[in-house]
Amino acid sequence: MAKDPKPENSRATGGASRGGSGAASQRVPGKGSGGRGRTRPPATVVTKQKPWGLIAAALAVVVFAAAIIGYAVVQVNESNANQVTEASEITGLETFDYAAGQEHVTTPVSYTESPPVGGPHDGEWADCTGTVYDVDIRHENAVHSMEHGATWITYDPELITDGDLATLEELVEGTSGLMLSPYVGLGSPISLQSWNHQLTVDSADDIRVQQYADFMTYNADFYPEVGASCENPLFITDPVVEDGSSRGTDAMVTDAPTTSTPAPETTSAP
């Protein structure tokens, strides 16, 4: 009996099975040789950029702060250089010798100095809490204020410039222990006085004005009634005005004080 013939493609099929070259033995995509791992896709490297904007801003802040600190240091050094530690360092300062316990009077007083720096005075003191007067206040009241430690700054209304007057007003206003008023017939643009001390200057920009105000005001070494008040609200609202009668022939005359020589003139550094 005849055998059925084998399919013609049996060799190919069999060969494929034996040789492993068929579809079943094809390499799986993604497999490495020998099937030992996968091929990784290349990594994307991101380069971090430096925050130059922030760095520049920080540097600007540091530079600005350094400039401010430097300016402050310079200002402090200049201020310290101009400070005085004793009265004799104020060039041109005159000193006198009115004793404590001067009499209170209601009559006019003919003072030796003009403006006065001590002696008998009115029982009411002029307010000296940084007060700016636009009238020539009664001198007897101003002397009482100096007895309380005040510095009385006066100016000749005929000689002072508008700029200097504005400077003095800014210096005095609101600063306890200071008072400012015009003084008719002063004879110099500006005069500063406290108990037993006096200084005349030609300009409000003179460094000695600030030196005097800082050192002499409320200086317990120089005035009789330490701790006495400078407040007198009534005098602010209704100041007693100088009418010239204190220089009359019937005025009380003070004892002439002992006058010391002025401090020597020195040339200050620019």
Protein backbone atom coordinates (compact mmCIF):
# COMPACT_ATOMS: atom_id res chain seq x y z
CA MET A 1 0.00 0.00 0.00
CA ALA A 2 1.41 3.35 -0.96
CA LYS A 3 2.39 5.89 1.83
CA ASP A 4 1.08 9.37 1.85
CA PRO A 5 3.69 11.80 0.67
CA LYS A 6 5.14 14.28 3.26
CA PRO A 7 4.25 17.89 2.87
CA GLU A 8 6.65 19.74 0.70
CA ASN A 9 7.36 22.33 3.37
CA SER A 10 8.08 19.82 6.07
CA ARG A 11 11.81 20.32 5.56
CA ALA A 12 11.50 24.02 5.96
CA THR A 13 9.36 23.62 8.99
CA GLY A 14 11.56 21.10 10.51
CA GLY A 15 14.66 23.01 9.65
CA ALA A 16 13.33 26.05 11.26
CA SER A 17 12.60 24.12 14.37
CA ARG A 18 16.02 22.57 14.47
CA GLY A 19 18.03 25.59 13.48
CA GLY A 20 16.14 28.07 15.64
CA SER A 21 15.90 30.49 12.79
CA GLY A 22 12.13 30.47 12.72
CA ALA A 23 9.68 32.96 14.09
CA ALA A 24 9.68 31.27 17.47
CA SER A 25 13.41 31.78 17.88
CA GLN A 26 13.65 35.38 16.71
CA ARG A 27 15.37 37.83 19.16
CA VAL A 28 12.96 39.80 21.31
CA PRO A 29 13.36 43.50 20.73
CA GLY A 30 15.02 45.25 23.60
CA LYS A 31 16.99 42.24 24.71
CA GLY A 32 20.75 42.42 24.80
CA SER A 33 22.97 39.68 23.67
CA GLY A 34 22.45 36.58 25.74
CA GLY A 35 19.31 38.16 27.26
CA ARG A 36 21.33 39.80 30.08
CA GLY A 37 19.66 43.27 30.44
CA ARG A 38 18.09 46.19 28.70
CA THR A 39 19.59 49.12 26.83
CA ARG A 40 18.87 52.32 28.94
CA PRO A 41 17.88 55.46 27.06
CA PRO A 42 20.51 58.23 27.39
CA ALA A 43 19.91 60.49 30.45
CA THR A 44 19.10 64.20 29.88
CA VAL A 45 21.59 66.41 31.81
CA VAL A 46 20.15 69.75 33.04
CA THR A 47 22.74 72.43 33.92
CA LYS A 48 21.61 74.62 36.85
CA GLN A 49 22.00 78.33 36.21
CA LYS A 50 23.38 80.57 39.00
CA PRO A 51 20.90 83.19 40.33
CA TRP A 52 22.92 86.18 39.15
CA GLY A 53 19.99 88.55 39.72
CA LEU A 54 19.72 87.63 43.39
CA ILE A 55 23.48 87.82 43.85
CA ALA A 56 23.59 91.30 42.29
CA ALA A 57 20.71 92.47 44.49
CA ALA A 58 22.41 91.15 47.62
CA LEU A 59 25.66 92.87 46.70
CA ALA A 60 23.79 96.14 46.11
CA VAL A 61 22.21 95.89 49.58
CA VAL A 62 25.61 95.23 51.17
CA VAL A 63 27.21 98.18 49.38
CA PHE A 64 24.33 100.48 50.35
CA ALA A 65 24.50 99.38 53.99
CA ALA A 66 28.25 99.92 54.05
CA ALA A 67 27.79 103.43 52.63
CA ILE A 68 25.19 104.29 55.27
CA ILE A 69 27.37 102.96 58.08
CA GLY A 70 30.39 104.79 56.72
CA TYR A 71 28.46 108.06 56.53
CA ALA A 72 27.18 107.61 60.08
CA VAL A 73 30.70 106.96 61.36
CA VAL A 74 32.00 110.09 59.64
CA GLN A 75 29.18 112.18 61.11
CA VAL A 76 29.80 110.83 64.61
CA ASN A 77 33.52 111.46 64.32
CA GLU A 78 32.92 115.04 63.15
CA SER A 79 30.45 115.60 65.98
CA ASN A 80 32.85 114.24 68.56
CA ALA A 81 35.66 116.36 67.16
CA ASN A 82 33.58 119.51 67.75
CA GLN A 83 32.50 118.64 71.28
CA VAL A 84 34.03 120.45 74.23
CA THR A 85 34.71 119.04 77.67
CA GLU A 86 35.31 122.28 79.55
CA ALA A 87 34.23 125.89 79.22
CA SER A 88 37.70 127.18 78.38
CA GLU A 89 37.60 125.25 75.10
CA ILE A 90 34.89 127.57 73.78
CA THR A 91 36.91 130.27 72.06
CA GLY A 92 36.01 133.81 73.09
CA LEU A 93 33.86 132.78 76.06
CA GLU A 94 33.62 135.40 78.81
CA THR A 95 33.03 134.36 82.43
CA PHE A 96 31.77 136.35 85.40
CA ASP A 97 31.26 135.86 89.12
CA TYR A 98 27.69 136.43 90.27
CA ALA A 99 27.10 134.48 93.45
CA ALA A 100 24.11 132.25 94.10
CA GLY A 101 21.20 133.59 96.12
CA GLN A 102 20.63 136.83 94.22
CA GLU A 103 17.68 138.94 95.35
CA HIS A 104 14.24 138.74 93.77
CA VAL A 105 12.97 142.21 92.86
CA THR A 106 9.99 143.78 91.17
CA THR A 107 11.76 146.98 90.21
CA PRO A 108 13.91 147.39 87.12
CA VAL A 109 17.58 146.38 87.41
CA SER A 110 20.42 148.24 85.71
CA TYR A 111 22.69 145.38 84.72
CA THR A 112 26.40 145.81 84.11
CA GLU A 113 26.42 143.44 81.15
CA SER A 114 24.15 143.74 78.16
CA PRO A 115 22.58 141.23 77.85
CA PRO A 116 22.84 140.44 81.57
CA VAL A 117 24.41 137.22 82.82
CA GLY A 118 23.44 137.29 86.49
CA GLY A 119 22.38 139.45 89.41
CA PRO A 120 19.07 140.40 91.03
CA HIS A 121 16.08 139.38 88.97
CA ASP A 122 12.32 139.17 88.85
CA GLY A 123 10.59 136.47 90.86
CA GLU A 124 8.95 135.08 87.72
CA TRP A 125 11.17 133.31 85.23
CA ALA A 126 10.70 133.36 81.48
CA ASP A 127 9.71 130.00 80.03
CA CYS A 128 12.84 128.26 78.77
CA THR A 129 11.54 124.97 77.40
CA GLY A 130 12.84 125.54 73.89
CA THR A 131 10.82 128.72 73.54
CA VAL A 132 11.13 131.10 70.60
CA TYR A 133 9.94 134.64 71.43
CA ASP A 134 9.27 137.28 68.81
CA VAL A 135 9.45 140.10 71.39
CA ASP A 136 12.27 141.52 73.52
CA ILE A 137 11.37 139.80 76.80
CA ARG A 138 11.99 141.57 80.10
CA HIS A 139 15.60 141.05 81.04
CA GLU A 140 14.91 140.54 84.74
CA ASN A 141 12.75 137.53 83.89
CA ALA A 142 15.37 136.11 81.55
CA VAL A 143 18.05 136.31 84.25
CA HIS A 144 15.85 134.20 86.50
CA SER A 145 15.68 131.58 83.74
CA MET A 146 19.48 131.48 83.57
CA GLU A 147 19.52 130.94 87.33
CA HIS A 148 17.56 127.75 86.53
CA GLY A 149 20.22 126.58 84.07
CA ALA A 150 18.89 128.01 80.81
CA THR A 151 20.85 129.35 77.89
CA TRP A 152 19.35 132.59 76.61
CA ILE A 153 20.16 133.24 72.95
CA THR A 154 19.59 136.80 71.81
CA TYR A 155 19.94 138.53 68.45
CA ASP A 156 19.92 142.07 67.14
CA PRO A 157 16.88 142.35 64.83
CA GLU A 158 18.70 145.07 62.86
CA LEU A 159 21.82 142.97 62.23
CA ILE A 160 20.80 139.32 61.92
CA THR A 161 20.07 137.74 58.55
CA ASP A 162 16.92 135.79 57.81
CA GLY A 163 18.97 132.64 57.33
CA ASP A 164 20.73 132.97 60.67
CA LEU A 165 17.45 133.62 62.45
CA ALA A 166 15.94 130.49 60.90
CA THR A 167 18.98 128.48 62.04
CA LEU A 168 18.64 129.74 65.61
CA GLU A 169 14.92 129.02 65.67
CA GLU A 170 15.57 125.45 64.53
CA LEU A 171 18.26 125.04 67.20
CA VAL A 172 16.09 126.34 70.04
CA GLU A 173 12.53 125.27 69.31
CA GLY A 174 11.42 122.40 71.52
CA THR A 175 14.80 121.92 73.24
CA SER A 176 14.45 122.22 76.99
CA GLY A 177 16.81 124.73 78.59
CA LEU A 178 16.96 127.03 75.55
CA MET A 179 15.12 130.24 74.74
CA LEU A 180 15.51 132.77 71.94
CA SER A 181 14.43 136.39 71.74
CA PRO A 182 15.32 139.61 69.94
CA TYR A 183 17.37 142.09 71.96
CA VAL A 184 17.07 145.67 70.79
CA GLY A 185 20.41 147.48 70.59
CA LEU A 186 22.48 144.34 71.12
CA GLY A 187 25.24 145.64 68.87
CA SER A 188 26.27 142.23 67.51
CA PRO A 189 24.23 139.79 65.43
CA ILE A 190 24.05 137.06 68.10
CA SER A 191 24.86 136.71 71.79
CA LEU A 192 24.53 133.62 73.97
CA GLN A 193 24.41 133.83 77.74
CA SER A 194 23.89 131.57 80.70
CA TRP A 195 24.56 132.24 84.38
CA ASN A 196 28.02 133.85 84.60
CA HIS A 197 28.91 133.14 80.96
CA GLN A 198 28.56 134.96 77.64
CA LEU A 199 29.62 134.53 74.03
CA THR A 200 29.04 136.81 71.02
CA VAL A 201 29.23 135.56 67.43
CA ASP A 202 28.58 136.99 63.99
CA SER A 203 26.89 133.96 62.44
CA ALA A 204 24.53 131.19 63.53
CA ASP A 205 26.71 128.76 61.55
CA ASP A 206 29.62 129.40 63.93
CA ILE A 207 30.42 126.03 65.51
CA ARG A 208 30.64 127.71 68.90
CA VAL A 209 26.88 128.29 68.93
CA GLN A 210 26.23 124.55 69.05
CA GLN A 211 29.14 124.01 71.42
CA TYR A 212 27.77 126.58 73.84
CA ALA A 213 24.22 125.23 73.70
CA ASP A 214 25.38 121.65 74.23
CA PHE A 215 27.88 122.29 76.99
CA MET A 216 26.53 125.22 79.00
CA THR A 217 22.80 124.43 79.11
CA TYR A 218 21.83 122.71 82.37
CA ASN A 219 25.50 122.32 83.28
CA ALA A 220 25.29 121.77 87.02
CA ASP A 221 28.80 123.17 87.51
CA PHE A 222 27.74 126.66 86.51
CA TYR A 223 24.26 127.65 87.68
CA PRO A 224 22.82 128.11 91.19
CA GLU A 225 19.45 126.35 91.24
CA VAL A 226 20.11 122.87 89.87
CA GLY A 227 16.89 121.00 89.20
CA ALA A 228 14.67 124.09 89.08
CA SER A 229 11.92 124.13 86.47
CA CYS A 230 12.09 125.93 83.14
CA GLU A 231 8.34 125.70 82.55
CA ASN A 232 6.13 128.76 82.78
CA PRO A 233 3.14 128.40 80.42
CA LEU A 234 1.76 131.79 81.44
CA PHE A 235 4.92 133.52 80.23
CA ILE A 236 4.61 131.80 76.85
CA THR A 237 1.09 133.05 76.30
CA ASP A 238 1.66 136.48 77.87
CA PRO A 239 5.38 137.32 77.97
CA VAL A 240 6.54 140.34 79.94
CA VAL A 241 8.11 142.70 77.42
CA GLU A 242 11.23 144.79 77.98
CA ASP A 243 10.28 148.45 77.90
CA GLY A 244 13.70 149.96 78.64
CA SER A 245 12.84 151.05 82.18
CA SER A 246 15.39 148.60 83.62
CA ARG A 247 18.09 150.95 82.34
CA GLY A 248 16.62 154.00 84.02
CA THR A 249 18.43 156.16 86.58
CA ASP A 250 16.16 154.92 89.40
CA ALA A 251 16.79 151.26 88.65
CA MET A 252 18.45 148.94 91.11
CA VAL A 253 22.18 148.70 90.41
CA THR A 254 23.90 145.33 90.72
CA ASP A 255 27.27 144.85 92.35
CA ALA A 256 29.94 144.73 89.66
CA PRO A 257 31.04 141.11 89.32
CA THR A 258 34.59 139.91 88.96
CA THR A 259 35.26 139.36 85.26
CA SER A 260 37.72 136.80 84.00
CA THR A 261 39.65 137.16 80.78
CA PRO A 262 38.09 135.58 77.69
CA ALA A 263 39.36 132.22 76.49
CA PRO A 264 42.21 132.65 74.01
CA GLU A 265 41.35 132.83 70.35
CA THR A 266 42.22 129.67 68.45
CA THR A 267 41.96 128.69 64.83
CA SER A 268 39.64 125.73 64.40
CA ALA A 269 40.34 123.12 61.77
CA PRO A 270 38.18 123.40 58.67
